[in-house]
Amino acid sequence: MRLRLGQKFPFYKLITAILLFVTTQKPLSAQPMPWAHGRTPAGQLSVYLVTFGPGDDLTTWFGHAGLVIRDSVAHLSKIYNFGLFAFDEGFIKNFIFGRLIFWKGRSDLAPMLTYYKNEHRTIRFYRLNLEDSAKVVLARQLEEEVRPGNRKYLYDHYRDNCATRLRDLIDNALHGQFKEQTRLMTPDTYRTLTMQYTDAHPLWQWLLLFLMNDTIDAPLSRWQTMFLPDYLARYVTQATYTDSHGVNRPLTNRHWTEYDAGRQPPPSADKLDTHPVWPLLSGLFYMLLMYLLSGTARRHAVGRRALAFSLFFFPFLAGIIGSVLFFMAFFTNHTVTWHNENLLLWHPLTLLSALPALATYSPKNGTRPWKQLELFWLVQSLLVLILLIAKIFPPFSQDNLMALSFGVPFVWAHYLAVKRFQTK
């Protein structure tokens, strides 16, 4: 099967756009390289970690990484890439249900670099300062990984992806020394790191974090943060190890930028606003707008229609998002969406408000749909109040302040608007 660099999705599904964070390529058929059987002297092999910076699409915001083997005898440079999938083998179904089957592949380095340059993504190389025995172990293991029977693996964006697989292989070549050095804990969490790499896209950031539960809120070790290619490169350049002669060596002895795309890097962790105020301001603005609209609706037919449209359209969108979350929380293997507190904010029943909201468009339907809406949003407001009170207790530890900042005013805005419209 030929590697098709630059292959894109033919369409975007909502869930696909939210969670698919890897490049969409197909793997090469892996014919054994000379280093697979020791035909190249270890001294003639060079090993590099290569990282590709974030791109324009959501699927590329978190970057990508690969390992390169250069053989100066055979004049070969091959890149091993663990972020591949076969789109034509039930991928969509597996993806939706959280069974993300991905592939490992090997390809020529030069066309891969050309592809990422055309994508305007920064390329950086890090030469691994491995002793000969470690280079042989790593090179052979890479060949073993791309054998037809070994290519597939169950992908997890945070715990088992294109970067963590490379991290583990490097650690294996160093007999566990890399993992031992990166056991130190950090203040970072999967949530804050996700925020870091989605900072330039606040709406997508809000939606991504809305869908994820408290399993992404625990502090991470340096080892765990290396699901991100940038963090893998950071700790590879900082690491040292003790070689077979007892000599302490830096893990890298050279690194350079092959191509600088000139993109603005993600904000550093110490400058990241983990509780941005824009969701709260947006929620309060929406509440004010609905309040004013409800007053206008009492006096003008146009205002009434505008209020009816707002009571239908925006809760309908929220209901769709809540339905997606409900499905992911109860019917898929996406563990980061299970037991999500945000289901008390938006859920499939939110869609039920669409029916009486449509009925309010015509005054001929009387007051009944307004009463139904009032009851619905009263119950929903009470659910939100229960959630806010529950946040006092440890079991409700999900860091969902961003979701609450917009979701709470959003819910209360509808109750207040419906209530005010009916007030004589």
Protein backbone atom coordinates (compact mmCIF):
# COMPACT_ATOMS: atom_id res chain seq x y z
CA MET A 1 0.00 0.00 0.00
CA ARG A 2 1.51 3.30 -1.09
CA LEU A 3 1.96 6.18 1.33
CA ARG A 4 -0.20 9.05 0.15
CA LEU A 5 1.32 12.15 1.68
CA GLY A 6 -1.12 14.98 2.20
CA GLN A 7 -4.27 12.84 1.91
CA LYS A 8 -7.14 14.73 3.55
CA PHE A 9 -10.49 13.77 4.98
CA PRO A 10 -13.19 13.88 2.30
CA PHE A 11 -15.50 15.43 4.91
CA TYR A 12 -15.54 16.45 8.54
CA LYS A 13 -17.83 14.91 11.10
CA LEU A 14 -18.30 16.80 14.37
CA ILE A 15 -16.74 14.10 16.51
CA THR A 16 -13.99 13.48 13.99
CA ALA A 17 -13.06 17.15 13.95
CA ILE A 18 -13.02 17.25 17.76
CA LEU A 19 -10.90 14.26 18.61
CA LEU A 20 -8.80 13.25 15.60
CA PHE A 21 -5.36 14.82 16.32
CA VAL A 22 -3.13 13.02 13.83
CA THR A 23 -2.22 13.43 10.18
CA THR A 24 -4.23 11.39 7.74
CA GLN A 25 -1.85 9.21 5.79
CA LYS A 26 -1.58 5.57 4.79
CA PRO A 27 1.38 3.37 5.68
CA LEU A 28 3.96 1.98 3.32
CA SER A 29 4.55 -1.68 2.83
CA ALA A 30 7.62 -2.32 4.98
CA GLN A 31 10.45 -4.15 3.20
CA PRO A 32 13.31 -4.93 5.63
CA MET A 33 16.10 -2.38 5.73
CA PRO A 34 19.80 -3.34 6.00
CA TRP A 35 19.89 -2.51 9.71
CA ALA A 36 17.12 -4.99 10.41
CA HIS A 37 19.64 -7.84 10.05
CA GLY A 38 22.82 -6.09 11.12
CA ARG A 39 24.18 -5.65 7.59
CA THR A 40 25.15 -2.05 8.38
CA PRO A 41 27.87 -1.47 10.99
CA ALA A 42 26.43 0.32 14.01
CA GLY A 43 28.97 3.09 13.63
CA GLN A 44 27.48 3.96 10.25
CA LEU A 45 23.98 4.43 11.63
CA SER A 46 22.61 7.75 12.88
CA VAL A 47 19.33 8.15 14.76
CA TYR A 48 17.28 11.34 14.90
CA LEU A 49 14.08 12.45 16.52
CA VAL A 50 12.23 14.77 14.16
CA THR A 51 9.27 16.93 15.16
CA PHE A 52 6.76 18.68 12.94
CA GLY A 53 5.12 21.77 14.39
CA PRO A 54 1.40 22.53 14.54
CA GLY A 55 -0.46 23.20 11.31
CA ASP A 56 -3.64 24.98 10.31
CA ASP A 57 -6.19 22.20 10.82
CA LEU A 58 -7.45 20.95 14.17
CA THR A 59 -5.99 17.54 13.39
CA THR A 60 -2.51 19.10 13.25
CA TRP A 61 -2.61 21.56 16.15
CA PHE A 62 -0.70 19.23 18.48
CA GLY A 63 2.18 18.54 16.10
CA HIS A 64 3.69 15.27 14.98
CA ALA A 65 6.93 13.32 15.43
CA GLY A 66 8.96 10.52 13.91
CA LEU A 67 12.28 8.72 14.26
CA VAL A 68 14.81 8.79 11.43
CA ILE A 69 17.47 6.18 10.70
CA ARG A 70 20.30 7.23 8.41
CA ASP A 71 22.56 4.58 6.92
CA SER A 72 25.76 6.12 5.52
CA VAL A 73 26.76 2.84 3.86
CA ALA A 74 23.53 2.18 1.96
CA HIS A 75 22.85 5.94 1.64
CA LEU A 76 19.36 5.56 3.04
CA SER A 77 17.33 7.92 5.24
CA LYS A 78 14.05 6.48 6.48
CA ILE A 79 11.48 8.00 8.81
CA TYR A 80 9.31 5.85 11.07
CA ASN A 81 5.88 7.33 11.61
CA PHE A 82 3.36 6.00 14.15
CA GLY A 83 0.51 8.38 13.32
CA LEU A 84 -1.03 6.60 10.33
CA PHE A 85 -4.37 4.96 9.63
CA ALA A 86 -6.18 3.18 6.85
CA PHE A 87 -9.31 5.19 6.11
CA ASP A 88 -10.95 2.38 4.14
CA GLU A 89 -11.02 -0.29 6.84
CA GLY A 90 -13.98 0.64 9.03
CA PHE A 91 -12.16 3.63 10.43
CA ILE A 92 -15.17 5.90 10.93
CA LYS A 93 -17.12 3.28 12.90
CA ASN A 94 -14.10 2.42 15.05
CA PHE A 95 -13.36 6.09 15.57
CA ILE A 96 -16.88 6.96 16.72
CA PHE A 97 -16.91 4.14 19.24
CA GLY A 98 -13.45 4.91 20.59
CA ARG A 99 -11.62 1.99 19.00
CA LEU A 100 -9.02 4.00 17.14
CA ILE A 101 -6.89 1.56 15.19
CA PHE A 102 -3.75 3.25 13.89
CA TRP A 103 -0.73 2.08 11.99
CA LYS A 104 3.03 2.37 12.04
CA GLY A 105 4.88 2.94 8.80
CA ARG A 106 8.24 3.73 7.24
CA SER A 107 8.89 6.02 4.29
CA ASP A 108 11.66 7.93 2.57
CA LEU A 109 12.63 11.01 4.51
CA ALA A 110 12.94 13.51 1.65
CA PRO A 111 9.32 13.44 0.39
CA MET A 112 8.08 13.56 3.97
CA LEU A 113 10.07 16.75 4.59
CA THR A 114 8.74 18.23 1.36
CA TYR A 115 5.19 17.48 2.42
CA TYR A 116 5.53 19.21 5.79
CA LYS A 117 7.29 22.19 4.25
CA ASN A 118 4.38 22.53 1.84
CA GLU A 119 2.08 22.38 4.86
CA HIS A 120 4.10 25.27 6.30
CA ARG A 121 4.98 23.40 9.49
CA THR A 122 8.24 23.85 11.37
CA ILE A 123 10.63 20.87 11.18
CA ARG A 124 13.27 20.24 13.86
CA PHE A 125 15.87 17.47 14.13
CA TYR A 126 17.47 16.10 17.30
CA ARG A 127 20.39 13.72 16.90
CA LEU A 128 20.29 11.00 19.53
CA ASN A 129 23.70 10.49 21.14
CA LEU A 130 23.35 6.73 21.51
CA GLU A 131 26.19 4.26 21.82
CA ASP A 132 26.42 1.69 19.05
CA SER A 133 24.63 -1.09 20.90
CA ALA A 134 21.66 1.18 21.66
CA LYS A 135 21.44 2.32 18.03
CA VAL A 136 21.29 -1.27 16.88
CA VAL A 137 18.55 -2.08 19.40
CA LEU A 138 16.48 0.96 18.40
CA ALA A 139 16.94 0.49 14.64
CA ARG A 140 15.97 -3.17 14.79
CA GLN A 141 12.99 -2.45 17.00
CA LEU A 142 11.73 0.16 14.56
CA GLU A 143 11.91 -2.42 11.78
CA GLU A 144 10.07 -4.90 13.98
CA GLU A 145 7.35 -2.34 14.65
CA VAL A 146 6.54 -1.83 10.95
CA ARG A 147 6.34 -5.51 10.07
CA PRO A 148 2.88 -6.35 8.64
CA GLY A 149 1.80 -8.28 11.72
CA ASN A 150 2.87 -5.54 14.14
CA ARG A 151 1.68 -2.35 12.48
CA LYS A 152 -1.71 -1.87 14.09
CA TYR A 153 -2.23 -0.47 17.58
CA LEU A 154 -5.08 0.96 19.63
CA TYR A 155 -4.56 4.70 19.54
CA ASP A 156 -5.16 6.97 22.51
CA HIS A 157 -4.44 10.66 22.03
CA TYR A 158 -3.07 11.15 25.54
CA ARG A 159 -1.58 7.78 26.47
CA ASP A 160 -0.64 5.90 23.33
CA ASN A 161 0.06 7.98 20.25
CA CYS A 162 2.72 8.84 17.69
CA ALA A 163 4.93 10.55 20.30
CA THR A 164 4.51 8.17 23.26
CA ARG A 165 5.44 5.21 21.06
CA LEU A 166 8.71 6.93 20.12
CA ARG A 167 9.33 7.84 23.76
CA ASP A 168 8.92 4.21 24.78
CA LEU A 169 11.30 2.96 22.08
CA ILE A 170 13.99 5.43 23.11
CA ASP A 171 13.53 4.40 26.72
CA ASN A 172 13.81 0.72 25.80
CA ALA A 173 17.12 1.37 24.03
CA LEU A 174 18.36 3.05 27.24
CA HIS A 175 17.13 0.21 29.49
CA GLY A 176 14.58 2.40 31.27
CA GLN A 177 16.88 5.29 32.12
CA PHE A 178 14.84 7.84 30.17
CA LYS A 179 11.65 7.01 32.05
CA GLU A 180 13.48 7.05 35.37
CA GLN A 181 14.78 10.55 34.70
CA THR A 182 11.37 11.90 33.73
CA ARG A 183 9.38 10.64 36.73
CA LEU A 184 9.36 14.13 38.29
CA MET A 185 5.87 15.57 38.60
CA THR A 186 4.84 18.79 36.89
CA PRO A 187 1.94 21.21 37.45
CA ASP A 188 0.66 20.31 33.98
CA THR A 189 -2.47 18.25 33.35
CA TYR A 190 -3.87 16.83 30.15
CA ARG A 191 -6.44 19.62 30.32
CA THR A 192 -3.93 22.47 30.63
CA LEU A 193 -1.75 21.01 27.89
CA THR A 194 -4.81 20.70 25.65
CA MET A 195 -5.59 24.33 26.42
CA GLN A 196 -2.03 25.29 25.57
CA TYR A 197 -2.27 23.85 22.06
CA THR A 198 -5.80 25.12 21.38
CA ASP A 199 -5.25 28.61 22.81
CA ALA A 200 -5.52 30.26 19.39
CA HIS A 201 -8.91 28.64 18.76
CA PRO A 202 -11.10 29.48 21.77
CA LEU A 203 -14.40 28.05 20.49
CA TRP A 204 -12.88 24.69 19.64
CA GLN A 205 -11.01 24.79 22.94
CA TRP A 206 -14.26 25.29 24.85
CA LEU A 207 -15.97 22.47 22.98
CA LEU A 208 -13.10 20.03 23.42
CA LEU A 209 -12.88 20.66 27.16
CA PHE A 210 -16.67 20.50 27.54
CA LEU A 211 -16.59 16.93 26.23
CA MET A 212 -13.85 15.67 28.58
CA ASN A 213 -14.13 14.55 32.21
CA ASP A 214 -11.95 14.74 35.32
CA THR A 215 -9.53 12.02 34.17
CA ILE A 216 -7.59 14.77 32.36
CA ASP A 217 -7.24 16.91 35.50
CA ALA A 218 -4.60 14.99 37.48
CA PRO A 219 -1.03 16.40 37.57
CA LEU A 220 1.32 14.69 35.13
CA SER A 221 4.89 13.53 35.30
CA ARG A 222 7.33 14.69 32.67
CA TRP A 223 7.04 11.20 31.19
CA GLN A 224 3.29 11.60 30.71
CA THR A 225 3.57 15.05 29.11
CA MET A 226 5.52 13.53 26.23
CA PHE A 227 2.34 12.64 24.38
CA LEU A 228 3.09 16.03 22.83
CA PRO A 229 5.97 16.03 20.30
CA ASP A 230 7.27 19.37 21.62
CA TYR A 231 7.51 17.99 25.15
CA LEU A 232 9.17 14.82 23.88
CA ALA A 233 11.81 16.97 22.19
CA ARG A 234 12.22 19.11 25.31
CA TYR A 235 12.98 16.22 27.63
CA VAL A 236 15.07 14.35 25.09
CA THR A 237 17.38 17.37 24.89
CA GLN A 238 17.54 17.61 28.70
CA ALA A 239 18.14 13.93 29.40
CA THR A 240 21.37 12.13 30.12
CA TYR A 241 22.11 8.44 30.55
CA THR A 242 24.86 6.15 31.74
CA ASP A 243 26.33 4.08 28.92
CA SER A 244 27.70 0.54 29.11
CA HIS A 245 31.11 1.88 30.21
CA GLY A 246 29.66 3.86 33.10
CA VAL A 247 30.06 7.20 31.34
CA ASN A 248 27.30 9.79 31.69
CA ARG A 249 26.27 11.04 28.26
CA PRO A 250 23.73 13.60 27.04
CA LEU A 251 20.93 11.94 25.10
CA THR A 252 21.29 14.45 22.26
CA ASN A 253 24.48 16.00 20.95
CA ARG A 254 23.09 18.14 18.15
CA HIS A 255 19.81 19.69 17.14
CA TRP A 256 18.74 22.14 14.48
CA THR A 257 15.75 23.63 12.71
CA GLU A 258 15.41 22.15 9.24
CA TYR A 259 12.55 24.47 8.30
CA ASP A 260 11.14 27.40 10.24
CA ALA A 261 7.52 28.12 9.32
CA GLY A 262 7.56 31.33 11.35
CA ARG A 263 4.38 30.39 13.20
CA GLN A 264 3.58 31.76 16.63
CA PRO A 265 4.34 28.96 19.13
CA PRO A 266 1.74 27.87 21.68
CA PRO A 267 1.87 29.95 24.88
CA SER A 268 4.19 28.65 27.56
CA ALA A 269 2.53 26.97 30.53
CA ASP A 270 3.38 29.83 32.92
CA LYS A 271 1.67 32.37 30.62
CA LEU A 272 -1.41 30.28 29.88
CA ASP A 273 -4.71 31.62 31.18
CA THR A 274 -6.30 28.36 32.36
CA HIS A 275 -9.58 30.09 33.28
CA PRO A 276 -10.18 32.62 30.49
CA VAL A 277 -12.94 35.13 31.17
CA TRP A 278 -14.41 35.14 27.65
CA PRO A 279 -16.85 32.24 28.34
CA LEU A 280 -18.27 34.06 31.37
CA LEU A 281 -18.51 37.39 29.53
CA SER A 282 -20.15 35.63 26.58
CA GLY A 283 -22.63 33.90 28.87
CA LEU A 284 -23.53 37.11 30.68
CA PHE A 285 -23.88 38.96 27.39
CA TYR A 286 -26.19 36.22 26.11
CA MET A 287 -28.26 36.46 29.30
CA LEU A 288 -28.56 40.24 28.90
CA LEU A 289 -29.50 39.87 25.25
CA MET A 290 -32.24 37.33 26.02
CA TYR A 291 -33.55 39.54 28.82
CA LEU A 292 -33.82 42.57 26.52
CA LEU A 293 -35.29 40.47 23.73
CA SER A 294 -38.00 39.14 26.04
CA GLY A 295 -39.02 42.70 26.85
CA THR A 296 -39.19 43.65 23.18
CA ALA A 297 -41.15 40.48 22.40
CA ARG A 298 -43.98 41.60 24.69
CA ARG A 299 -44.51 44.75 22.60
CA HIS A 300 -43.67 43.80 19.02
CA ALA A 301 -44.48 40.81 16.83
CA VAL A 302 -41.01 40.91 15.28
CA GLY A 303 -39.49 40.75 18.75
CA ARG A 304 -41.69 37.78 19.59
CA ARG A 305 -40.51 35.91 16.50
CA ALA A 306 -36.89 36.74 17.30
CA LEU A 307 -37.33 35.45 20.85
CA ALA A 308 -39.03 32.28 19.58
CA PHE A 309 -36.17 31.71 17.13
CA SER A 310 -33.58 32.19 19.90
CA LEU A 311 -35.44 29.83 22.24
CA PHE A 312 -35.36 27.22 19.48
CA PHE A 313 -32.04 27.61 17.69
CA PHE A 314 -29.46 28.03 20.44
CA PRO A 315 -30.87 25.35 22.79
CA PHE A 316 -31.12 23.06 19.75
CA LEU A 317 -27.37 23.48 19.15
CA ALA A 318 -26.71 22.91 22.84
CA GLY A 319 -28.88 19.80 22.71
CA ILE A 320 -26.88 18.41 19.80
CA ILE A 321 -23.62 18.92 21.72
CA GLY A 322 -25.20 17.40 24.82
CA SER A 323 -26.39 14.41 22.77
CA VAL A 324 -22.89 13.88 21.40
CA LEU A 325 -21.54 13.96 24.95
CA PHE A 326 -24.27 11.58 26.17
CA PHE A 327 -23.45 9.11 23.41
CA MET A 328 -19.71 9.33 24.06
CA ALA A 329 -20.21 9.01 27.81
CA PHE A 330 -22.35 5.87 27.75
CA PHE A 331 -21.88 4.05 24.45
CA THR A 332 -18.20 4.40 23.46
CA ASN A 333 -14.74 3.51 24.70
CA HIS A 334 -13.68 7.16 24.91
CA THR A 335 -12.72 7.02 28.59
CA VAL A 336 -12.08 10.77 28.75
CA THR A 337 -15.81 11.41 28.25
CA TRP A 338 -17.25 8.99 30.84
CA HIS A 339 -18.92 10.31 34.03
CA ASN A 340 -18.88 13.87 32.74
CA GLU A 341 -20.44 16.48 35.04
CA ASN A 342 -21.27 18.66 32.06
CA LEU A 343 -24.17 16.35 31.20
CA LEU A 344 -26.10 18.27 33.86
CA LEU A 345 -25.61 21.42 31.78
CA TRP A 346 -26.47 20.19 28.29
CA HIS A 347 -27.92 16.78 27.48
CA PRO A 348 -30.23 15.12 24.91
CA LEU A 349 -33.36 16.31 26.72
CA THR A 350 -32.32 19.86 25.85
CA LEU A 351 -33.56 19.04 22.37
CA LEU A 352 -37.08 18.63 23.77
CA SER A 353 -37.31 22.36 24.34
CA ALA A 354 -37.27 22.81 20.57
CA LEU A 355 -40.89 21.68 20.17
CA PRO A 356 -42.59 24.24 22.45
CA ALA A 357 -40.08 26.85 21.28
CA LEU A 358 -41.30 26.40 17.71
CA ALA A 359 -44.88 26.61 18.92
CA THR A 360 -44.24 30.01 20.52
CA TYR A 361 -43.56 31.47 17.08
CA SER A 362 -47.29 31.83 16.46
CA PRO A 363 -49.54 33.66 18.96
CA LYS A 364 -52.38 31.34 17.89
CA ASN A 365 -50.89 28.60 20.06
CA GLY A 366 -51.68 30.57 23.20
CA THR A 367 -49.79 30.33 26.46
CA ARG A 368 -49.37 26.56 26.67
CA PRO A 369 -45.97 26.32 24.91
CA TRP A 370 -44.70 29.18 27.06
CA LYS A 371 -45.73 27.31 30.20
CA GLN A 372 -44.02 24.18 28.91
CA LEU A 373 -40.83 26.13 28.22
CA GLU A 374 -40.97 27.75 31.63
CA LEU A 375 -41.23 24.35 33.33
CA PHE A 376 -38.44 22.88 31.25
CA TRP A 377 -35.99 25.70 31.93
CA LEU A 378 -36.96 25.82 35.60
CA VAL A 379 -36.04 22.15 35.96
CA GLN A 380 -32.84 22.69 33.99
CA SER A 381 -31.95 25.70 36.16
CA LEU A 382 -32.41 23.57 39.26
CA LEU A 383 -30.12 20.89 37.80
CA VAL A 384 -27.48 23.55 37.24
CA LEU A 385 -27.92 24.78 40.81
CA ILE A 386 -27.50 21.23 42.11
CA LEU A 387 -24.29 20.90 40.07
CA LEU A 388 -22.91 24.14 41.49
CA ILE A 389 -23.65 23.02 45.04
CA ALA A 390 -22.16 19.58 44.35
CA LYS A 391 -18.88 21.20 43.32
CA ILE A 392 -18.22 21.74 47.02
CA PHE A 393 -17.73 18.00 47.49
CA PRO A 394 -14.62 16.03 46.42
CA PRO A 395 -16.36 13.56 44.05
CA PHE A 396 -17.29 16.51 41.83
CA SER A 397 -13.71 17.55 41.18
CA GLN A 398 -13.87 17.98 37.42
CA ASP A 399 -12.15 21.16 36.30
CA ASN A 400 -15.10 22.41 34.27
CA LEU A 401 -15.05 26.08 35.23
CA MET A 402 -14.80 27.02 31.57
CA ALA A 403 -17.93 25.02 30.74
CA LEU A 404 -19.82 26.37 33.75
CA SER A 405 -18.84 29.98 33.01
CA PHE A 406 -20.86 29.92 29.82
CA GLY A 407 -23.28 27.06 30.46
CA VAL A 408 -24.82 28.40 33.67
CA PRO A 409 -25.74 31.87 32.30
CA PHE A 410 -26.94 30.15 29.11
CA VAL A 411 -29.44 27.99 31.01
CA TRP A 412 -30.62 30.72 33.34
CA ALA A 413 -31.00 33.17 30.42
CA HIS A 414 -33.74 31.04 28.89
CA TYR A 415 -35.67 30.63 32.10
CA LEU A 416 -35.54 34.35 32.84
CA ALA A 417 -36.51 35.27 29.26
CA VAL A 418 -39.54 32.95 29.22
CA LYS A 419 -40.59 34.08 32.69
CA ARG A 420 -40.30 37.76 31.83
CA PHE A 421 -42.23 37.41 28.58
CA GLN A 422 -45.21 36.02 30.50
CA THR A 423 -45.13 38.69 33.18
CA LYS A 424 -47.95 41.16 32.74
